[in-house]
Amino acid sequence: MAVEIRFTAASVAKVRFAVSPLGETVLALRILFGTGGHAVHRPWVRQARPLLTHERELPLLRTLIAGPLPSFLFPAPRQRLPSMATELDLVRATQEDFFRHEYGAVLGMPAEDAPEPATVLPRLVEALHRCHELLIAPHWGRMRAVLEADLGRRALTLVEGGVQALFAELHRDIAWDGGQLVVHGRRTPHSVYTVDAGGHGLVLLPSVFNWPDVGVDKAPVTAASIRYPAMGVGLLWEPPRPTLTGLTPVLGRARTQILAALAEPLTTAALAARLSITPSAVSQHLGALRGAGLVATQRRGRTALHLRTERATQLLGGPAPNGR
């Protein structure tokens, strides 16, 4: 299904970016329930799925997340980087009529037959909090670095090229056409679902666990929102491949500086500019670091992004990337 988001002049001026730990938690659960995801997430899935076994609200989570996703699980963030607690407060405050409508739509029942929010939302919020702490928080440091690096690149595109340039590079399924934003569906491309952004604007959210697809909130209460795949996601779960002997060529000032800088994904050119060394020297050092399993590299077209592995972070003596 194609989704058409209609804009007013006021809503175009309110295009903004945000990161959603709640959204990532819900989408991560969806992958673990076997209803989404991509092969790039398999290393994380192997670690995470056994951790979910003892969650006491698993039936409730499956009911609401394994199928069509209710919009009340994706409130538009009001800040660029809200805390999980802040977002859970928004879920807890879901209006009764909206909750009943969305719950009924997910379960295929009339809204009047849906349960009272007070009987579901407190349990759901607590379960999502536990799942976030168990499944997402240990990796949130690296995830946040990837998501915020993506925000920085997109914001620069918006400043330099405007809305049209931003949407042109965001995802192949997104098209800006004369004041309307169209997200093309893959299953039934001839049907169109319309979302009115009204005067609330649009929130663009880079996502790890929605990768490589685009997600649209079809029933926004305030701002419309689109979740798009963040650049550099393929670097997150790259397994380290070091040996003891492989660490020998790593130790040294330039390579240590490179590892320190790669707390966020950077290109070779960005590293060279930041460290005031030539791109060719950076490339040589990166080759050694990759050989030692301390740097992962992902290529997209002519752009190569580099990010240090968890072992590199530990080698530098900083908190493992599970820090928040």
C-alpha atoms as a PDB file:
ATOM      1  CA  MET A   1       0.000   0.000   0.000  1.00  0.00           C
ATOM      2  CA  ALA A   2       1.228   3.469  -0.868  1.00  0.00           C
ATOM      3  CA  VAL A   3       0.889   6.098   1.840  1.00  0.00           C
ATOM      4  CA  GLU A   4       0.391   9.730   0.870  1.00  0.00           C
ATOM      5  CA  ILE A   5       1.206  12.371   3.491  1.00  0.00           C
ATOM      6  CA  ARG A   6      -0.419  15.716   2.750  1.00  0.00           C
ATOM      7  CA  PHE A   7       1.308  18.895   3.836  1.00  0.00           C
ATOM      8  CA  THR A   8       0.379  22.486   4.399  1.00  0.00           C
ATOM      9  CA  ALA A   9       2.985  25.257   4.169  1.00  0.00           C
ATOM     10  CA  ALA A  10       3.011  25.295   7.972  1.00  0.00           C
ATOM     11  CA  SER A  11       3.667  21.563   8.273  1.00  0.00           C
ATOM     12  CA  VAL A  12       6.536  21.687   5.755  1.00  0.00           C
ATOM     13  CA  ALA A  13       8.202  24.251   7.990  1.00  0.00           C
ATOM     14  CA  LYS A  14       7.871  21.836  10.912  1.00  0.00           C
ATOM     15  CA  VAL A  15       9.838  18.905   9.492  1.00  0.00           C
ATOM     16  CA  ARG A  16      12.171  17.747  12.266  1.00  0.00           C
ATOM     17  CA  PHE A  17      14.271  14.788  13.372  1.00  0.00           C
ATOM     18  CA  ALA A  18      14.187  12.580  16.447  1.00  0.00           C
ATOM     19  CA  VAL A  19      15.395   9.261  17.835  1.00  0.00           C
ATOM     20  CA  SER A  20      12.948   6.917  19.580  1.00  0.00           C
ATOM     21  CA  PRO A  21      14.160   4.283  22.065  1.00  0.00           C
ATOM     22  CA  LEU A  22      10.545   3.148  22.460  1.00  0.00           C
ATOM     23  CA  GLY A  23      10.111   2.682  18.720  1.00  0.00           C
ATOM     24  CA  GLU A  24      13.334   0.692  18.518  1.00  0.00           C
ATOM     25  CA  THR A  25      12.177  -1.518  21.400  1.00  0.00           C
ATOM     26  CA  VAL A  26       8.826  -2.270  19.755  1.00  0.00           C
ATOM     27  CA  LEU A  27      10.427  -2.976  16.384  1.00  0.00           C
ATOM     28  CA  ALA A  28      13.070  -5.169  18.022  1.00  0.00           C
ATOM     29  CA  LEU A  29      10.321  -7.233  19.664  1.00  0.00           C
ATOM     30  CA  ARG A  30       8.599  -7.557  16.314  1.00  0.00           C
ATOM     31  CA  ILE A  31      11.757  -9.092  14.884  1.00  0.00           C
ATOM     32  CA  LEU A  32      12.054 -11.503  17.818  1.00  0.00           C
ATOM     33  CA  PHE A  33       8.447 -12.573  17.259  1.00  0.00           C
ATOM     34  CA  GLY A  34       9.433 -13.506  13.728  1.00  0.00           C
ATOM     35  CA  THR A  35       7.322 -10.944  11.890  1.00  0.00           C
ATOM     36  CA  GLY A  36      10.000  -8.619  10.544  1.00  0.00           C
ATOM     37  CA  GLY A  37      13.675  -7.956  10.398  1.00  0.00           C
ATOM     38  CA  HIS A  38      16.526  -8.622   8.027  1.00  0.00           C
ATOM     39  CA  ALA A  39      19.533 -10.915   7.945  1.00  0.00           C
ATOM     40  CA  VAL A  40      21.686  -8.006   9.151  1.00  0.00           C
ATOM     41  CA  HIS A  41      20.071  -8.386  12.595  1.00  0.00           C
ATOM     42  CA  ARG A  42      20.730 -12.122  12.989  1.00  0.00           C
ATOM     43  CA  PRO A  43      23.744 -11.744  15.330  1.00  0.00           C
ATOM     44  CA  TRP A  44      21.598  -9.658  17.689  1.00  0.00           C
ATOM     45  CA  VAL A  45      18.605 -12.015  17.378  1.00  0.00           C
ATOM     46  CA  ARG A  46      20.724 -15.016  18.399  1.00  0.00           C
ATOM     47  CA  GLN A  47      21.717 -13.216  21.602  1.00  0.00           C
ATOM     48  CA  ALA A  48      18.380 -11.577  22.360  1.00  0.00           C
ATOM     49  CA  ARG A  49      15.738 -14.221  21.712  1.00  0.00           C
ATOM     50  CA  PRO A  50      16.666 -16.465  24.688  1.00  0.00           C
ATOM     51  CA  LEU A  51      16.519 -13.417  26.998  1.00  0.00           C
ATOM     52  CA  LEU A  52      12.829 -12.960  26.258  1.00  0.00           C
ATOM     53  CA  THR A  53      11.788 -16.426  27.429  1.00  0.00           C
ATOM     54  CA  HIS A  54      10.836 -15.456  30.973  1.00  0.00           C
ATOM     55  CA  GLU A  55       8.934 -12.236  30.201  1.00  0.00           C
ATOM     56  CA  ARG A  56       5.614 -12.682  32.004  1.00  0.00           C
ATOM     57  CA  GLU A  57       3.687 -10.401  29.648  1.00  0.00           C
ATOM     58  CA  LEU A  58       4.817 -12.223  26.529  1.00  0.00           C
ATOM     59  CA  PRO A  59       1.231 -13.100  25.463  1.00  0.00           C
ATOM     60  CA  LEU A  60       0.190  -9.445  25.682  1.00  0.00           C
ATOM     61  CA  LEU A  61       3.268  -8.297  23.755  1.00  0.00           C
ATOM     62  CA  ARG A  62       2.676 -10.884  21.041  1.00  0.00           C
ATOM     63  CA  THR A  63      -0.960  -9.841  20.752  1.00  0.00           C
ATOM     64  CA  LEU A  64      -0.085  -6.194  20.138  1.00  0.00           C
ATOM     65  CA  ILE A  65       3.214  -6.473  18.277  1.00  0.00           C
ATOM     66  CA  ALA A  66       3.306  -9.705  16.257  1.00  0.00           C
ATOM     67  CA  GLY A  67       0.661  -8.454  13.786  1.00  0.00           C
ATOM     68  CA  PRO A  68      -0.384  -4.984  12.592  1.00  0.00           C
ATOM     69  CA  LEU A  69       1.197  -2.440  14.924  1.00  0.00           C
ATOM     70  CA  PRO A  70      -1.100  -0.086  16.853  1.00  0.00           C
ATOM     71  CA  SER A  71      -0.247   3.592  16.515  1.00  0.00           C
ATOM     72  CA  PHE A  72      -0.344   4.196  20.271  1.00  0.00           C
ATOM     73  CA  LEU A  73       2.964   2.309  20.491  1.00  0.00           C
ATOM     74  CA  PHE A  74       4.607   5.003  18.339  1.00  0.00           C
ATOM     75  CA  PRO A  75       3.798   8.439  19.802  1.00  0.00           C
ATOM     76  CA  ALA A  76       5.670  11.162  17.931  1.00  0.00           C
ATOM     77  CA  PRO A  77       8.657  12.180  20.103  1.00  0.00           C
ATOM     78  CA  ARG A  78       8.477  15.748  21.339  1.00  0.00           C
ATOM     79  CA  GLN A  79      12.270  15.974  21.757  1.00  0.00           C
ATOM     80  CA  ARG A  80      15.171  15.059  19.529  1.00  0.00           C
ATOM     81  CA  LEU A  81      16.370  12.340  21.895  1.00  0.00           C
ATOM     82  CA  PRO A  82      13.713  11.501  24.496  1.00  0.00           C
ATOM     83  CA  SER A  83      14.312   9.028  27.275  1.00  0.00           C
ATOM     84  CA  MET A  84      12.503   5.700  27.308  1.00  0.00           C
ATOM     85  CA  ALA A  85      10.624   6.836  30.417  1.00  0.00           C
ATOM     86  CA  THR A  86       9.378   9.974  28.652  1.00  0.00           C
ATOM     87  CA  GLU A  87       8.057   7.971  25.727  1.00  0.00           C
ATOM     88  CA  LEU A  88       6.417   5.408  27.994  1.00  0.00           C
ATOM     89  CA  ASP A  89       4.609   8.254  29.730  1.00  0.00           C
ATOM     90  CA  LEU A  90       3.077   9.160  26.362  1.00  0.00           C
ATOM     91  CA  VAL A  91       1.896   5.575  25.887  1.00  0.00           C
ATOM     92  CA  ARG A  92       0.463   5.535  29.399  1.00  0.00           C
ATOM     93  CA  ALA A  93      -1.490   8.716  28.607  1.00  0.00           C
ATOM     94  CA  THR A  94      -3.132   7.311  25.447  1.00  0.00           C
ATOM     95  CA  GLN A  95      -6.716   8.552  25.122  1.00  0.00           C
ATOM     96  CA  GLU A  96      -9.376   5.887  25.700  1.00  0.00           C
ATOM     97  CA  ASP A  97     -11.163   6.245  22.359  1.00  0.00           C
ATOM     98  CA  PHE A  98      -7.909   6.103  20.407  1.00  0.00           C
ATOM     99  CA  PHE A  99      -6.694   3.093  22.397  1.00  0.00           C
ATOM    100  CA  ARG A 100      -9.940   1.193  21.835  1.00  0.00           C
ATOM    101  CA  HIS A 101      -9.938   1.947  18.112  1.00  0.00           C
ATOM    102  CA  GLU A 102      -6.329   0.850  17.604  1.00  0.00           C
ATOM    103  CA  TYR A 103      -6.623  -2.204  19.855  1.00  0.00           C
ATOM    104  CA  GLY A 104      -9.778  -3.280  18.044  1.00  0.00           C
ATOM    105  CA  ALA A 105      -8.139  -2.806  14.642  1.00  0.00           C
ATOM    106  CA  VAL A 106      -5.196  -5.010  15.655  1.00  0.00           C
ATOM    107  CA  LEU A 107      -7.404  -7.819  16.981  1.00  0.00           C
ATOM    108  CA  GLY A 108     -10.125  -7.467  14.380  1.00  0.00           C
ATOM    109  CA  MET A 109     -12.876  -6.560  16.843  1.00  0.00           C
ATOM    110  CA  PRO A 110     -15.230  -3.598  17.238  1.00  0.00           C
ATOM    111  CA  ALA A 111     -13.727  -0.748  19.256  1.00  0.00           C
ATOM    112  CA  GLU A 112     -16.506  -1.028  21.827  1.00  0.00           C
ATOM    113  CA  ASP A 113     -15.408  -4.611  22.578  1.00  0.00           C
ATOM    114  CA  ALA A 114     -11.799  -3.605  23.277  1.00  0.00           C
ATOM    115  CA  PRO A 115     -10.688  -3.649  26.926  1.00  0.00           C
ATOM    116  CA  GLU A 116     -10.355  -0.575  29.097  1.00  0.00           C
ATOM    117  CA  PRO A 117      -6.951   1.145  28.713  1.00  0.00           C
ATOM    118  CA  ALA A 118      -6.500   0.970  32.490  1.00  0.00           C
ATOM    119  CA  THR A 119      -6.466  -2.833  32.322  1.00  0.00           C
ATOM    120  CA  VAL A 120      -3.864  -3.006  29.552  1.00  0.00           C
ATOM    121  CA  LEU A 121      -1.612   0.060  29.434  1.00  0.00           C
ATOM    122  CA  PRO A 122       0.049  -0.236  32.876  1.00  0.00           C
ATOM    123  CA  ARG A 123       1.016  -3.861  32.169  1.00  0.00           C
ATOM    124  CA  LEU A 124       2.143  -2.992  28.653  1.00  0.00           C
ATOM    125  CA  VAL A 125       4.275  -0.045  29.772  1.00  0.00           C
ATOM    126  CA  GLU A 126       6.037  -2.095  32.439  1.00  0.00           C
ATOM    127  CA  ALA A 127       6.670  -4.928  29.985  1.00  0.00           C
ATOM    128  CA  LEU A 128       8.130  -2.552  27.392  1.00  0.00           C
ATOM    129  CA  HIS A 129      10.356  -1.025  30.046  1.00  0.00           C
ATOM    130  CA  ARG A 130      11.691  -4.459  31.038  1.00  0.00           C
ATOM    131  CA  CYS A 131      12.253  -5.425  27.397  1.00  0.00           C
ATOM    132  CA  HIS A 132      14.113  -2.197  26.724  1.00  0.00           C
ATOM    133  CA  GLU A 133      16.423  -2.751  29.681  1.00  0.00           C
ATOM    134  CA  LEU A 134      17.049  -6.357  28.681  1.00  0.00           C
ATOM    135  CA  LEU A 135      17.270  -6.159  24.907  1.00  0.00           C
ATOM    136  CA  ILE A 136      18.113  -2.585  23.885  1.00  0.00           C
ATOM    137  CA  ALA A 137      19.918  -0.840  26.745  1.00  0.00           C
ATOM    138  CA  PRO A 138      23.023  -3.077  26.540  1.00  0.00           C
ATOM    139  CA  HIS A 139      23.534  -1.893  22.943  1.00  0.00           C
ATOM    140  CA  TRP A 140      22.067   1.606  23.168  1.00  0.00           C
ATOM    141  CA  GLY A 141      25.420   3.412  23.228  1.00  0.00           C
ATOM    142  CA  ARG A 142      26.404   2.089  19.800  1.00  0.00           C
ATOM    143  CA  MET A 143      22.864   2.319  18.454  1.00  0.00           C
ATOM    144  CA  ARG A 144      22.530   5.933  19.538  1.00  0.00           C
ATOM    145  CA  ALA A 145      25.885   6.799  17.947  1.00  0.00           C
ATOM    146  CA  VAL A 146      24.703   5.385  14.604  1.00  0.00           C
ATOM    147  CA  LEU A 147      21.297   7.091  14.825  1.00  0.00           C
ATOM    148  CA  GLU A 148      22.673  10.492  15.837  1.00  0.00           C
ATOM    149  CA  ALA A 149      25.353  10.351  13.137  1.00  0.00           C
ATOM    150  CA  ASP A 150      22.564   9.762  10.616  1.00  0.00           C
ATOM    151  CA  LEU A 151      20.606  12.716  12.021  1.00  0.00           C
ATOM    152  CA  GLY A 152      23.623  14.947  11.542  1.00  0.00           C
ATOM    153  CA  ARG A 153      24.010  13.976   7.890  1.00  0.00           C
ATOM    154  CA  ARG A 154      20.288  14.394   7.130  1.00  0.00           C
ATOM    155  CA  ALA A 155      20.089  17.751   8.898  1.00  0.00           C
ATOM    156  CA  LEU A 156      22.996  19.021   6.803  1.00  0.00           C
ATOM    157  CA  THR A 157      21.218  17.900   3.620  1.00  0.00           C
ATOM    158  CA  LEU A 158      18.085  19.741   4.739  1.00  0.00           C
ATOM    159  CA  VAL A 159      20.048  22.942   5.400  1.00  0.00           C
ATOM    160  CA  GLU A 160      21.962  22.806   2.130  1.00  0.00           C
ATOM    161  CA  GLY A 161      19.315  21.463  -0.251  1.00  0.00           C
ATOM    162  CA  GLY A 162      15.944  21.919   1.398  1.00  0.00           C
ATOM    163  CA  VAL A 163      13.075  19.488   1.830  1.00  0.00           C
ATOM    164  CA  GLN A 164      13.213  18.184  -1.721  1.00  0.00           C
ATOM    165  CA  ALA A 165      16.883  17.208  -1.453  1.00  0.00           C
ATOM    166  CA  LEU A 166      16.268  15.594   1.936  1.00  0.00           C
ATOM    167  CA  PHE A 167      13.474  13.324   0.712  1.00  0.00           C
ATOM    168  CA  ALA A 168      15.345  12.521  -2.504  1.00  0.00           C
ATOM    169  CA  GLU A 169      18.105  10.791  -0.547  1.00  0.00           C
ATOM    170  CA  LEU A 170      16.120   9.435   2.393  1.00  0.00           C
ATOM    171  CA  HIS A 171      14.954   6.142   0.872  1.00  0.00           C
ATOM    172  CA  ARG A 172      14.120   4.758  -2.554  1.00  0.00           C
ATOM    173  CA  ASP A 173      10.470   4.269  -1.509  1.00  0.00           C
ATOM    174  CA  ILE A 174       9.975   7.937  -0.565  1.00  0.00           C
ATOM    175  CA  ALA A 175       9.087  10.575  -3.146  1.00  0.00           C
ATOM    176  CA  TRP A 176       8.308  14.280  -2.757  1.00  0.00           C
ATOM    177  CA  ASP A 177       5.743  15.350  -5.343  1.00  0.00           C
ATOM    178  CA  GLY A 178       4.350  18.873  -5.407  1.00  0.00           C
ATOM    179  CA  GLY A 179       3.757  19.314  -1.711  1.00  0.00           C
ATOM    180  CA  GLN A 180       2.798  15.687  -1.102  1.00  0.00           C
ATOM    181  CA  LEU A 181       5.047  13.010   0.312  1.00  0.00           C
ATOM    182  CA  VAL A 182       4.396   9.535  -1.057  1.00  0.00           C
ATOM    183  CA  VAL A 183       5.758   6.386   0.546  1.00  0.00           C
ATOM    184  CA  HIS A 184       5.349   3.585  -1.965  1.00  0.00           C
ATOM    185  CA  GLY A 185       4.090   0.264  -0.683  1.00  0.00           C
ATOM    186  CA  ARG A 186       5.392  -2.993  -2.115  1.00  0.00           C
ATOM    187  CA  ARG A 187       2.395  -5.313  -1.799  1.00  0.00           C
ATOM    188  CA  THR A 188      -0.497  -3.326  -3.266  1.00  0.00           C
ATOM    189  CA  PRO A 189       1.070  -0.345  -5.033  1.00  0.00           C
ATOM    190  CA  HIS A 190      -2.202   0.753  -6.637  1.00  0.00           C
ATOM    191  CA  SER A 191      -3.988   1.431  -3.353  1.00  0.00           C
ATOM    192  CA  VAL A 192      -3.302   4.696  -1.548  1.00  0.00           C
ATOM    193  CA  TYR A 193      -3.756   5.512   2.136  1.00  0.00           C
ATOM    194  CA  THR A 194      -3.831   9.215   2.971  1.00  0.00           C
ATOM    195  CA  VAL A 195      -2.364  10.783   6.112  1.00  0.00           C
ATOM    196  CA  ASP A 196      -2.974  14.458   6.815  1.00  0.00           C
ATOM    197  CA  ALA A 197      -0.034  16.082   8.598  1.00  0.00           C
ATOM    198  CA  GLY A 198      -2.222  19.097   9.360  1.00  0.00           C
ATOM    199  CA  GLY A 199      -0.302  21.824  11.125  1.00  0.00           C
ATOM    200  CA  HIS A 200       1.692  19.455  13.316  1.00  0.00           C
ATOM    201  CA  GLY A 201       4.461  18.749  10.820  1.00  0.00           C
ATOM    202  CA  LEU A 202       6.482  15.608  10.239  1.00  0.00           C
ATOM    203  CA  VAL A 203       8.993  13.794  12.441  1.00  0.00           C
ATOM    204  CA  LEU A 204      11.709  11.793  10.661  1.00  0.00           C
ATOM    205  CA  LEU A 205      13.154   8.983  12.751  1.00  0.00           C
ATOM    206  CA  PRO A 206      16.229   6.995  11.701  1.00  0.00           C
ATOM    207  CA  SER A 207      15.799   3.386  12.744  1.00  0.00           C
ATOM    208  CA  VAL A 208      17.971   0.373  13.412  1.00  0.00           C
ATOM    209  CA  PHE A 209      15.299  -2.299  13.678  1.00  0.00           C
ATOM    210  CA  ASN A 210      13.053  -1.038  10.868  1.00  0.00           C
ATOM    211  CA  TRP A 211      16.036  -1.422   8.518  1.00  0.00           C
ATOM    212  CA  PRO A 212      15.961  -1.693   5.509  1.00  0.00           C
ATOM    213  CA  ASP A 213      12.315  -0.629   5.177  1.00  0.00           C
ATOM    214  CA  VAL A 214      10.299   2.537   5.719  1.00  0.00           C
ATOM    215  CA  GLY A 215       7.526   2.740   8.315  1.00  0.00           C
ATOM    216  CA  VAL A 216       4.715   5.315   8.408  1.00  0.00           C
ATOM    217  CA  ASP A 217       2.341   6.055  11.278  1.00  0.00           C
ATOM    218  CA  LYS A 218      -1.044   5.869   9.535  1.00  0.00           C
ATOM    219  CA  ALA A 219      -3.011   7.258  12.486  1.00  0.00           C
ATOM    220  CA  PRO A 220      -0.966  10.106  13.983  1.00  0.00           C
ATOM    221  CA  VAL A 221      -2.467  11.955  16.920  1.00  0.00           C
ATOM    222  CA  THR A 222      -0.133  14.919  16.531  1.00  0.00           C
ATOM    223  CA  ALA A 223       2.754  15.062  14.045  1.00  0.00           C
ATOM    224  CA  ALA A 224       3.008  12.546  11.236  1.00  0.00           C
ATOM    225  CA  SER A 225       6.109  10.354  11.407  1.00  0.00           C
ATOM    226  CA  ILE A 226       8.290   8.261   9.122  1.00  0.00           C
ATOM    227  CA  ARG A 227      10.868   5.732  10.275  1.00  0.00           C
ATOM    228  CA  TYR A 228      13.606   5.237   7.733  1.00  0.00           C
ATOM    229  CA  PRO A 229      16.692   2.968   7.795  1.00  0.00           C
ATOM    230  CA  ALA A 230      19.696   4.677   9.333  1.00  0.00           C
ATOM    231  CA  MET A 231      22.996   4.565   7.500  1.00  0.00           C
ATOM    232  CA  GLY A 232      25.603   2.385   9.169  1.00  0.00           C
ATOM    233  CA  VAL A 233      23.223  -0.207  10.672  1.00  0.00           C
ATOM    234  CA  GLY A 234      25.245  -2.979   9.072  1.00  0.00           C
ATOM    235  CA  LEU A 235      28.164  -1.972  11.282  1.00  0.00           C
ATOM    236  CA  LEU A 236      26.353  -2.501  14.576  1.00  0.00           C
ATOM    237  CA  TRP A 237      26.445  -6.274  14.818  1.00  0.00           C
ATOM    238  CA  GLU A 238      29.702  -6.820  12.933  1.00  0.00           C
ATOM    239  CA  PRO A 239      31.482  -9.538  14.920  1.00  0.00           C
ATOM    240  CA  PRO A 240      35.045  -8.799  16.037  1.00  0.00           C
ATOM    241  CA  ARG A 241      37.676 -11.016  14.431  1.00  0.00           C
ATOM    242  CA  PRO A 242      40.809 -10.221  16.392  1.00  0.00           C
ATOM    243  CA  THR A 243      43.648 -12.460  17.499  1.00  0.00           C
ATOM    244  CA  LEU A 244      46.264 -11.668  20.106  1.00  0.00           C
ATOM    245  CA  THR A 245      48.874 -11.196  17.394  1.00  0.00           C
ATOM    246  CA  GLY A 246      46.468  -8.995  15.425  1.00  0.00           C
ATOM    247  CA  LEU A 247      46.529  -6.375  18.176  1.00  0.00           C
ATOM    248  CA  THR A 248      50.267  -5.722  17.792  1.00  0.00           C
ATOM    249  CA  PRO A 249      50.069  -3.390  14.750  1.00  0.00           C
ATOM    250  CA  VAL A 250      47.121  -1.514  16.286  1.00  0.00           C
ATOM    251  CA  LEU A 251      48.894   0.082  19.230  1.00  0.00           C
ATOM    252  CA  GLY A 252      50.184   3.519  18.328  1.00  0.00           C
ATOM    253  CA  ARG A 253      49.125   7.151  18.561  1.00  0.00           C
ATOM    254  CA  ALA A 254      47.418   7.585  15.176  1.00  0.00           C
ATOM    255  CA  ARG A 255      45.473   4.347  15.380  1.00  0.00           C
ATOM    256  CA  THR A 256      44.411   5.016  18.940  1.00  0.00           C
ATOM    257  CA  GLN A 257      43.133   8.439  17.853  1.00  0.00           C
ATOM    258  CA  ILE A 258      41.221   6.827  15.005  1.00  0.00           C
ATOM    259  CA  LEU A 259      39.590   4.343  17.379  1.00  0.00           C
ATOM    260  CA  ALA A 260      38.676   7.147  19.768  1.00  0.00           C
ATOM    261  CA  ALA A 261      37.077   9.142  16.940  1.00  0.00           C
ATOM    262  CA  LEU A 262      35.103   6.147  15.715  1.00  0.00           C
ATOM    263  CA  ALA A 263      32.678   6.238  18.624  1.00  0.00           C
ATOM    264  CA  GLU A 264      30.361   7.389  15.805  1.00  0.00           C
ATOM    265  CA  PRO A 265      30.351   6.291  12.161  1.00  0.00           C
ATOM    266  CA  LEU A 266      32.713   8.429  10.066  1.00  0.00           C
ATOM    267  CA  THR A 267      34.040   8.422   6.524  1.00  0.00           C
ATOM    268  CA  THR A 268      37.739   8.270   5.668  1.00  0.00           C
ATOM    269  CA  ALA A 269      37.668  11.934   4.644  1.00  0.00           C
ATOM    270  CA  ALA A 270      35.986  12.963   7.911  1.00  0.00           C
ATOM    271  CA  LEU A 271      38.595  11.072   9.928  1.00  0.00           C
ATOM    272  CA  ALA A 272      41.425  12.681   7.970  1.00  0.00           C
ATOM    273  CA  ALA A 273      40.017  16.169   8.560  1.00  0.00           C
ATOM    274  CA  ARG A 274      39.378  15.533  12.247  1.00  0.00           C
ATOM    275  CA  LEU A 275      42.852  14.112  12.944  1.00  0.00           C
ATOM    276  CA  SER A 276      44.776  16.359  10.512  1.00  0.00           C
ATOM    277  CA  ILE A 277      46.378  13.463   8.658  1.00  0.00           C
ATOM    278  CA  THR A 278      46.137  12.480   5.001  1.00  0.00           C
ATOM    279  CA  PRO A 279      43.279  10.253   3.729  1.00  0.00           C
ATOM    280  CA  SER A 280      45.818   7.733   2.426  1.00  0.00           C
ATOM    281  CA  ALA A 281      47.384   7.419   5.885  1.00  0.00           C
ATOM    282  CA  VAL A 282      43.935   6.992   7.416  1.00  0.00           C
ATOM    283  CA  SER A 283      43.163   4.231   4.900  1.00  0.00           C
ATOM    284  CA  GLN A 284      46.361   2.382   5.819  1.00  0.00           C
ATOM    285  CA  HIS A 285      45.586   2.577   9.530  1.00  0.00           C
ATOM    286  CA  LEU A 286      41.981   1.479   8.951  1.00  0.00           C
ATOM    287  CA  GLY A 287      43.216  -1.572   7.061  1.00  0.00           C
ATOM    288  CA  ALA A 288      45.297  -2.637  10.054  1.00  0.00           C
ATOM    289  CA  LEU A 289      42.453  -1.939  12.470  1.00  0.00           C
ATOM    290  CA  ARG A 290      40.019  -4.002  10.404  1.00  0.00           C
ATOM    291  CA  GLY A 291      42.545  -6.834  10.279  1.00  0.00           C
ATOM    292  CA  ALA A 292      42.639  -6.804  14.072  1.00  0.00           C
ATOM    293  CA  GLY A 293      38.843  -6.847  14.333  1.00  0.00           C
ATOM    294  CA  LEU A 294      38.726  -3.376  15.876  1.00  0.00           C
ATOM    295  CA  VAL A 295      36.971  -1.493  13.064  1.00  0.00           C
ATOM    296  CA  ALA A 296      34.017  -2.446  10.868  1.00  0.00           C
ATOM    297  CA  THR A 297      33.431  -0.796   7.487  1.00  0.00           C
ATOM    298  CA  GLN A 298      30.253  -0.590   5.440  1.00  0.00           C
ATOM    299  CA  ARG A 299      30.099   0.686   1.870  1.00  0.00           C
ATOM    300  CA  ARG A 300      27.109   2.336   0.185  1.00  0.00           C
ATOM    301  CA  GLY A 301      27.915   3.483  -3.332  1.00  0.00           C
ATOM    302  CA  ARG A 302      31.048   5.594  -3.124  1.00  0.00           C
ATOM    303  CA  THR A 303      30.657   6.235   0.594  1.00  0.00           C
ATOM    304  CA  ALA A 304      32.409   4.060   3.187  1.00  0.00           C
ATOM    305  CA  LEU A 305      31.480   4.410   6.854  1.00  0.00           C
ATOM    306  CA  HIS A 306      33.717   3.150   9.638  1.00  0.00           C
ATOM    307  CA  LEU A 307      32.804   2.324  13.247  1.00  0.00           C
ATOM    308  CA  ARG A 308      34.847   0.719  15.990  1.00  0.00           C
ATOM    309  CA  THR A 309      33.785  -2.665  17.336  1.00  0.00           C
ATOM    310  CA  GLU A 310      32.865  -3.402  20.936  1.00  0.00           C
ATOM    311  CA  ARG A 311      36.294  -4.933  21.519  1.00  0.00           C
ATOM    312  CA  ALA A 312      37.928  -1.686  20.411  1.00  0.00           C
ATOM    313  CA  THR A 313      35.892   0.272  22.933  1.00  0.00           C
ATOM    314  CA  GLN A 314      36.985  -2.101  25.674  1.00  0.00           C
ATOM    315  CA  LEU A 315      40.596  -1.846  24.508  1.00  0.00           C
ATOM    316  CA  LEU A 316      40.432   1.932  24.895  1.00  0.00           C
ATOM    317  CA  GLY A 317      39.315   1.487  28.489  1.00  0.00           C
ATOM    318  CA  GLY A 318      35.954   3.206  27.994  1.00  0.00           C
ATOM    319  CA  PRO A 319      32.568   1.802  28.900  1.00  0.00           C
ATOM    320  CA  ALA A 320      31.479  -1.015  26.637  1.00  0.00           C
ATOM    321  CA  PRO A 321      28.991   0.205  24.064  1.00  0.00           C
ATOM    322  CA  ASN A 322      26.199  -1.002  26.301  1.00  0.00           C
ATOM    323  CA  GLY A 323      26.489   2.296  28.136  1.00  0.00           C
ATOM    324  CA  ARG A 324      23.554   4.644  27.857  1.00  0.00           C
END
